[in-house]
Protein backbone atom coordinates (compact mmCIF):
# COMPACT_ATOMS: atom_id res chain seq x y z
CA UNK A 1 11.43 -5.05 9.57
CA UNK A 2 10.00 -2.69 12.41
CA UNK A 3 9.71 -3.56 16.27
CA UNK A 4 5.78 -3.70 16.80
CA UNK A 5 4.27 -0.48 17.78
CA UNK A 6 3.41 -1.75 21.34
CA UNK A 7 6.80 -3.43 21.99
CA UNK A 8 7.95 -0.69 24.60
CA UNK A 9 4.99 -2.13 26.87
CA UNK A 10 6.83 -5.64 27.31
CA UNK A 11 10.15 -4.16 27.54
CA UNK A 12 12.34 -2.94 30.29
CA UNK A 13 15.88 -1.15 29.66
CA UNK A 14 18.16 -2.72 32.08
CA UNK A 15 21.81 -2.77 30.09
CA UNK A 16 22.81 -0.34 27.43
CA UNK A 17 24.63 -3.93 26.08
CA UNK A 18 22.40 -6.65 24.62
CA UNK A 19 19.74 -5.73 26.47
CA UNK A 20 17.13 -8.59 26.36
CA UNK A 21 12.91 -8.84 26.15
CA UNK A 22 11.39 -12.67 26.30
CA UNK A 23 8.11 -13.65 25.11
CA UNK A 24 7.62 -17.55 25.69
CA UNK A 25 5.94 -19.70 23.73
CA UNK A 26 4.74 -23.40 23.57
CA UNK A 27 7.49 -24.23 20.91
CA UNK A 28 9.59 -21.10 20.87
CA UNK A 29 11.19 -18.33 22.91
CA UNK A 30 11.61 -14.91 21.25
CA UNK A 31 14.04 -12.58 22.48
CA UNK A 32 14.57 -9.07 21.43
CA UNK A 33 18.08 -7.66 21.71
CA UNK A 34 19.01 -4.09 22.26
CA UNK A 35 22.17 -2.78 22.12
CA UNK A 36 22.71 1.22 22.79
CA UNK A 37 26.56 1.76 22.80
CA UNK A 38 29.77 0.16 20.80
CA UNK A 39 30.89 -2.97 22.46
CA UNK A 40 32.88 -6.06 21.63
CA UNK A 41 34.00 -9.56 22.26
CA UNK A 42 30.10 -10.09 23.69
CA UNK A 43 29.53 -13.82 24.00
CA UNK A 44 25.97 -15.16 23.53
CA UNK A 45 25.23 -18.89 23.36
CA UNK A 46 21.73 -20.73 23.39
CA UNK A 47 21.05 -24.52 24.45
CA UNK A 48 18.39 -25.39 21.66
CA UNK A 49 18.76 -24.43 17.61
CA UNK A 50 18.84 -20.47 17.52
CA UNK A 51 17.23 -18.75 14.41
CA UNK A 52 18.30 -15.21 14.87
CA UNK A 53 17.33 -11.92 12.53
CA UNK A 54 18.99 -8.58 12.51
CA UNK A 55 16.24 -5.73 12.74
CA UNK A 56 18.07 -2.42 12.92
CA UNK A 57 21.73 -1.66 13.03
CA UNK A 58 25.02 -3.96 12.55
CA UNK A 59 26.84 -6.77 14.31
CA UNK A 60 30.04 -8.16 13.95
CA UNK A 61 29.69 -11.74 14.34
CA UNK A 62 32.55 -14.55 14.60
CA UNK A 63 31.77 -17.96 15.11
CA UNK A 64 34.17 -21.02 16.08
CA UNK A 65 36.66 -20.84 13.33
CA UNK A 66 34.78 -18.79 10.79
CA UNK A 67 36.28 -15.34 9.47
CA UNK A 68 33.94 -12.62 10.99
CA UNK A 69 31.02 -11.22 8.60
CA UNK A 70 29.02 -8.46 9.09
CA UNK A 71 25.36 -8.69 10.26
CA UNK A 72 23.26 -7.04 8.76
CA UNK A 73 19.11 -5.86 8.61
CA UNK A 74 17.24 -8.20 6.02
CA UNK A 75 19.70 -11.05 7.25
CA UNK A 76 19.11 -14.14 9.00
CA UNK A 77 21.09 -16.45 11.16
CA UNK A 78 20.43 -20.41 11.91
CA UNK A 79 22.43 -22.00 14.68
CA UNK A 80 23.19 -25.33 16.15
CA UNK A 81 22.43 -25.83 20.23
CA UNK A 82 25.57 -24.81 22.09
CA UNK A 83 27.04 -22.54 19.60
CA UNK A 84 28.85 -19.59 21.04
CA UNK A 85 28.68 -16.31 19.48
CA UNK A 86 31.15 -13.53 19.61
CA UNK A 87 29.69 -10.26 18.74
CA UNK A 88 30.74 -6.43 18.34
CA UNK A 89 28.91 -4.00 17.96
CA UNK A 90 30.88 -1.25 16.15
CA UNK A 91 27.94 1.40 15.60
CA UNK A 92 25.84 1.37 18.15
CA UNK A 93 24.79 4.46 20.19
CA UNK A 94 21.55 5.75 22.18
CA UNK A 95 19.88 6.88 19.29
CA UNK A 96 20.96 4.58 16.72
CA UNK A 97 20.79 1.38 18.76
CA UNK A 98 20.79 -1.96 17.34
CA UNK A 99 18.03 -4.16 17.48
CA UNK A 100 18.00 -8.14 16.79
CA UNK A 101 15.77 -10.93 17.26
CA UNK A 102 16.87 -14.48 18.56
CA UNK A 103 14.47 -17.06 18.89
CA UNK A 104 14.90 -21.22 20.01
CA UNK A 105 13.31 -23.58 18.04
CA UNK A 106 12.13 -26.67 19.67
CA UNK A 107 13.92 -29.79 18.29
CA UNK A 108 11.11 -32.11 18.55
CA UNK A 109 9.03 -29.51 16.36
CA UNK A 110 12.06 -29.42 14.27
CA UNK A 111 12.30 -33.09 13.81
CA UNK A 112 8.30 -33.79 13.29
CA UNK A 113 8.17 -30.92 10.44
CA UNK A 114 11.07 -32.46 8.24
CA UNK A 115 9.22 -35.40 9.24
CA UNK A 116 5.91 -34.39 7.44
CA UNK A 117 8.30 -32.57 4.68
CA UNK A 118 9.94 -35.48 3.69
CA UNK A 119 6.49 -37.21 3.51
CA UNK A 120 4.38 -34.91 1.72
CA UNK A 121 7.16 -32.66 -0.28
CA UNK A 122 10.18 -34.93 -0.77
CA UNK A 123 13.94 -33.70 -2.36
CA UNK A 124 13.81 -33.14 -6.51
CA UNK A 125 17.38 -34.86 -5.87
CA UNK A 126 16.42 -37.87 -4.10
CA UNK A 127 17.82 -36.82 -0.70
CA UNK A 128 15.91 -36.17 2.32
CA UNK A 129 15.70 -33.10 3.98
CA UNK A 130 17.36 -32.44 6.69
CA UNK A 131 18.69 -29.41 8.93
CA UNK A 132 21.79 -28.07 9.17
CA UNK A 133 24.33 -29.31 11.60
CA UNK A 134 26.31 -26.01 10.90
CA UNK A 135 25.59 -22.67 10.78
CA UNK A 136 24.06 -20.86 8.22
CA UNK A 137 24.07 -17.00 7.49
CA UNK A 138 21.21 -16.09 4.41
CA UNK A 139 19.56 -12.86 3.20
CA UNK A 140 16.10 -13.17 3.66
CA UNK A 141 12.89 -13.45 1.49
CA UNK A 142 9.65 -12.26 1.09
CA UNK A 143 8.21 -14.88 2.64
CA UNK A 144 10.76 -15.36 5.57
CA UNK A 145 10.57 -11.53 6.27
CA UNK A 146 6.93 -11.69 6.61
CA UNK A 147 6.80 -14.52 9.21
CA UNK A 148 9.67 -12.75 11.56
CA UNK A 149 7.00 -9.48 11.36
CA UNK A 150 3.65 -11.63 11.91
CA UNK A 151 5.43 -13.31 14.96
CA UNK A 152 7.03 -10.36 16.43
CA UNK A 153 3.21 -8.82 15.99
CA UNK A 154 1.95 -12.15 17.50
CA UNK A 155 4.05 -11.79 20.61
CA UNK A 156 2.68 -8.21 21.92
CA UNK A 157 -0.69 -9.06 20.92
CA UNK A 158 -1.19 -11.58 23.82
CA UNK A 159 -4.23 -13.51 21.56
CA UNK A 160 -5.74 -16.73 23.44
CA UNK A 161 -4.70 -18.39 20.62
CA UNK A 162 -1.29 -17.37 20.32
CA UNK A 163 0.32 -20.88 20.61
CA UNK A 164 -1.54 -22.27 17.85
CA UNK A 165 -0.81 -19.20 15.54
CA UNK A 166 2.90 -19.17 16.65
CA UNK A 167 3.12 -23.18 16.01
CA UNK A 168 2.15 -22.77 12.71
CA UNK A 169 4.16 -19.55 11.47
CA UNK A 170 7.17 -21.81 13.09
CA UNK A 171 6.37 -24.93 10.72
CA UNK A 172 6.29 -22.55 7.77
CA UNK A 173 9.64 -20.76 8.79
CA UNK A 174 11.19 -23.78 9.07
CA UNK A 175 10.22 -25.12 5.94
CA UNK A 176 11.40 -21.98 4.01
CA UNK A 177 15.00 -22.07 5.91
CA UNK A 178 15.67 -25.58 4.60
CA UNK A 179 14.27 -24.31 1.04
CA UNK A 180 16.70 -21.49 1.42
CA UNK A 181 19.75 -23.59 2.53
CA UNK A 182 19.00 -26.21 -0.98
CA UNK A 183 18.70 -23.07 -2.76
CA UNK A 184 22.56 -21.64 -1.09
CA UNK A 185 23.63 -25.30 -1.76
CA UNK A 186 23.17 -25.14 -5.35
CA UNK A 187 23.54 -21.25 -5.97
CA UNK A 188 26.30 -19.81 -3.67
CA UNK A 189 28.64 -22.88 -2.43
CA UNK A 190 28.50 -24.39 -6.06
CA UNK A 191 27.10 -27.67 -5.42
CA UNK A 192 26.05 -28.68 -8.72
CA UNK A 193 25.67 -31.82 -10.51
CA UNK A 194 25.87 -32.36 -14.43
CA UNK A 195 23.51 -35.37 -13.70
CA UNK A 196 21.18 -33.50 -11.79
CA UNK A 197 18.16 -31.60 -13.97
CA UNK A 198 17.74 -28.87 -11.21
CA UNK A 199 21.25 -27.92 -11.11
CA UNK A 200 21.30 -27.77 -14.96
CA UNK A 201 18.57 -25.55 -14.66
CA UNK A 202 20.27 -23.12 -11.90
CA UNK A 203 23.90 -23.16 -13.98
CA UNK A 204 21.23 -22.59 -17.14
CA UNK A 205 19.62 -19.29 -15.94
CA UNK A 206 22.72 -18.07 -14.47
CA UNK A 207 24.29 -18.05 -17.75
CA UNK A 208 21.62 -16.42 -19.95
CA UNK A 209 20.56 -13.76 -17.26
CA UNK A 210 20.77 -11.19 -19.77
CA UNK A 211 18.85 -12.91 -22.31
CA UNK A 212 14.58 -13.55 -22.33
CA UNK A 213 13.65 -16.52 -20.35
CA UNK A 214 10.69 -18.74 -19.91
CA UNK A 215 10.06 -21.60 -17.71
CA UNK A 216 8.63 -23.27 -20.73
CA UNK A 217 12.39 -22.71 -22.32
CA UNK A 218 13.91 -24.38 -19.39
CA UNK A 219 11.72 -27.22 -18.38
CA UNK A 220 12.43 -28.11 -22.23
CA UNK A 221 16.09 -28.01 -21.59
CA UNK A 222 16.05 -30.23 -18.66
CA UNK A 223 13.92 -32.95 -20.32
CA UNK A 224 10.63 -32.03 -18.02
CA UNK A 225 7.19 -30.97 -18.81
CA UNK A 226 6.67 -27.06 -18.14
CA UNK A 227 4.20 -28.09 -15.29
CA UNK A 228 6.31 -30.95 -13.19
CA UNK A 229 9.00 -28.46 -13.61
CA UNK A 230 7.53 -25.23 -12.20
CA UNK A 231 6.38 -27.73 -9.16
CA UNK A 232 9.82 -29.78 -8.43
CA UNK A 233 11.42 -26.25 -8.47
CA UNK A 234 9.16 -24.82 -6.19
CA UNK A 235 9.17 -27.59 -3.71
CA UNK A 236 12.61 -27.58 -3.80
CA UNK A 237 13.61 -24.23 -3.41
CA UNK A 238 10.74 -22.08 -2.00
CA UNK A 239 10.33 -19.89 -5.12
CA UNK A 240 8.97 -20.85 -8.32
CA UNK A 241 11.47 -20.64 -11.28
CA UNK A 242 10.24 -16.71 -12.22
CA UNK A 243 11.06 -15.42 -8.53
CA UNK A 244 14.29 -17.48 -8.80
CA UNK A 245 15.26 -15.76 -12.25
CA UNK A 246 13.95 -11.87 -11.22
CA UNK A 247 15.94 -12.53 -7.44
CA UNK A 248 19.24 -13.92 -9.79
CA UNK A 249 18.83 -10.42 -11.88
CA UNK A 250 18.44 -7.98 -8.91
CA UNK A 251 21.74 -9.91 -7.46
CA UNK A 252 22.98 -9.26 -10.74
CA UNK A 253 22.37 -5.57 -11.39
CA UNK A 254 23.26 -4.48 -7.88
CA UNK A 255 26.78 -5.80 -8.35
CA UNK A 256 27.12 -4.18 -11.70
CA UNK A 257 25.64 -0.62 -9.99
CA UNK A 258 29.14 -0.80 -8.03
CA UNK A 259 30.31 0.03 -11.16
CA UNK A 260 29.76 4.25 -11.07
CA UNK A 261 30.95 4.13 -14.93
CA UNK A 262 27.86 2.20 -16.32
CA UNK A 263 24.43 3.81 -16.62
CA UNK A 264 21.38 2.65 -14.83
CA UNK A 265 19.51 1.57 -18.01
CA UNK A 266 22.08 -0.26 -19.21
CA UNK A 267 22.66 -2.01 -16.08
CA UNK A 268 18.73 -3.43 -16.05
CA UNK A 269 18.97 -3.81 -19.66
CA UNK A 270 22.22 -6.13 -18.96
CA UNK A 271 20.22 -7.76 -16.44
CA UNK A 272 17.61 -9.03 -18.13
CA UNK A 273 14.65 -6.16 -17.09
CA UNK A 274 12.91 -4.68 -20.37
CA UNK A 275 11.47 -2.06 -17.96
CA UNK A 276 12.94 0.65 -15.89
CA UNK A 277 10.48 1.27 -13.66
CA UNK A 278 9.43 -2.81 -13.00
CA UNK A 279 13.31 -3.14 -12.11
CA UNK A 280 13.57 -0.10 -9.59
CA UNK A 281 9.98 -1.58 -7.67
CA UNK A 282 11.41 -5.29 -7.53
CA UNK A 283 15.19 -3.56 -6.76
CA UNK A 284 13.71 -1.54 -3.74
CA UNK A 285 11.43 -4.11 -2.33
CA UNK A 286 14.20 -6.59 -1.90
CA UNK A 287 17.10 -3.96 -1.14
CA UNK A 288 14.87 -1.37 0.83
CA UNK A 289 16.33 1.37 -1.55
CA UNK A 290 16.18 2.63 -5.03
CA UNK A 291 18.78 1.49 -7.68
CA UNK A 292 20.01 5.03 -7.63
CA UNK A 293 20.13 5.72 -3.92
CA UNK A 294 21.92 2.38 -3.24
CA UNK A 295 24.68 3.91 -5.77
CA UNK A 296 25.13 7.00 -4.16
CA UNK A 297 25.28 4.59 -0.62
CA UNK A 298 28.00 2.39 -2.16
CA UNK A 299 29.51 5.57 -3.85
CA UNK A 300 29.95 7.27 -0.38
CA UNK A 301 31.93 4.02 1.20
CA UNK A 302 34.30 4.32 -0.87
């Protein structure tokens, strides 16, 4: 993800720590923060829900009583209103600044979008979609990354219909964040229910990543037609079953690549990929590095 080429036309550098360039829209305010020197315990708070996404560099974030965590490019953070962020900048320099987007969201638009989503695409588990009351740190999907990039472009395009375009993008962003959180709840936080068919499907996929998997096979396991399973899965998680399988395989392969004794071919075959070239392509699309370059980067930090 990059800042638009004409971003510098709107930017004025007033401070070396969290210099802010703002763009105001009807339902959101988009802020780009730049830091050009190392700094510690920089406090930042917004009075509306805020969506933050790292563009360049590294931050170390501290929220309430949670442990500190690194905030890196390709990651985003959703925060409720009035949540204080305590931020360290361990690597920022004049020639290597950090860039971070922080966008406030209209609570009214959030409410209306969730209401519309519950009416048009209710969750498959019988519960209603709801906005998280706590922070949510996640890795961007391709779709979320594209929305952020388009919003940044729209900020500097100064199009007469930019508010209309932005409102549509923000609605999509809210829906995709809700779907990303649903995936995280099912997968990363272990919120699974043996009586829930989607939970069973997730568990089955993760336990058989090294094997051949088809949508037909998984739908039979959960006693659903293939078309209905495909629709319910995508409505709930925002990705197709095949996209989810590939994403889980890539994450498994990344963990295996951190073992220097394993050959790359063994890694991609063990993760369920049959083609080395396809594995290289999808790995680079997700992480911005080839598998070989990723391994070299990890080994260089050891």
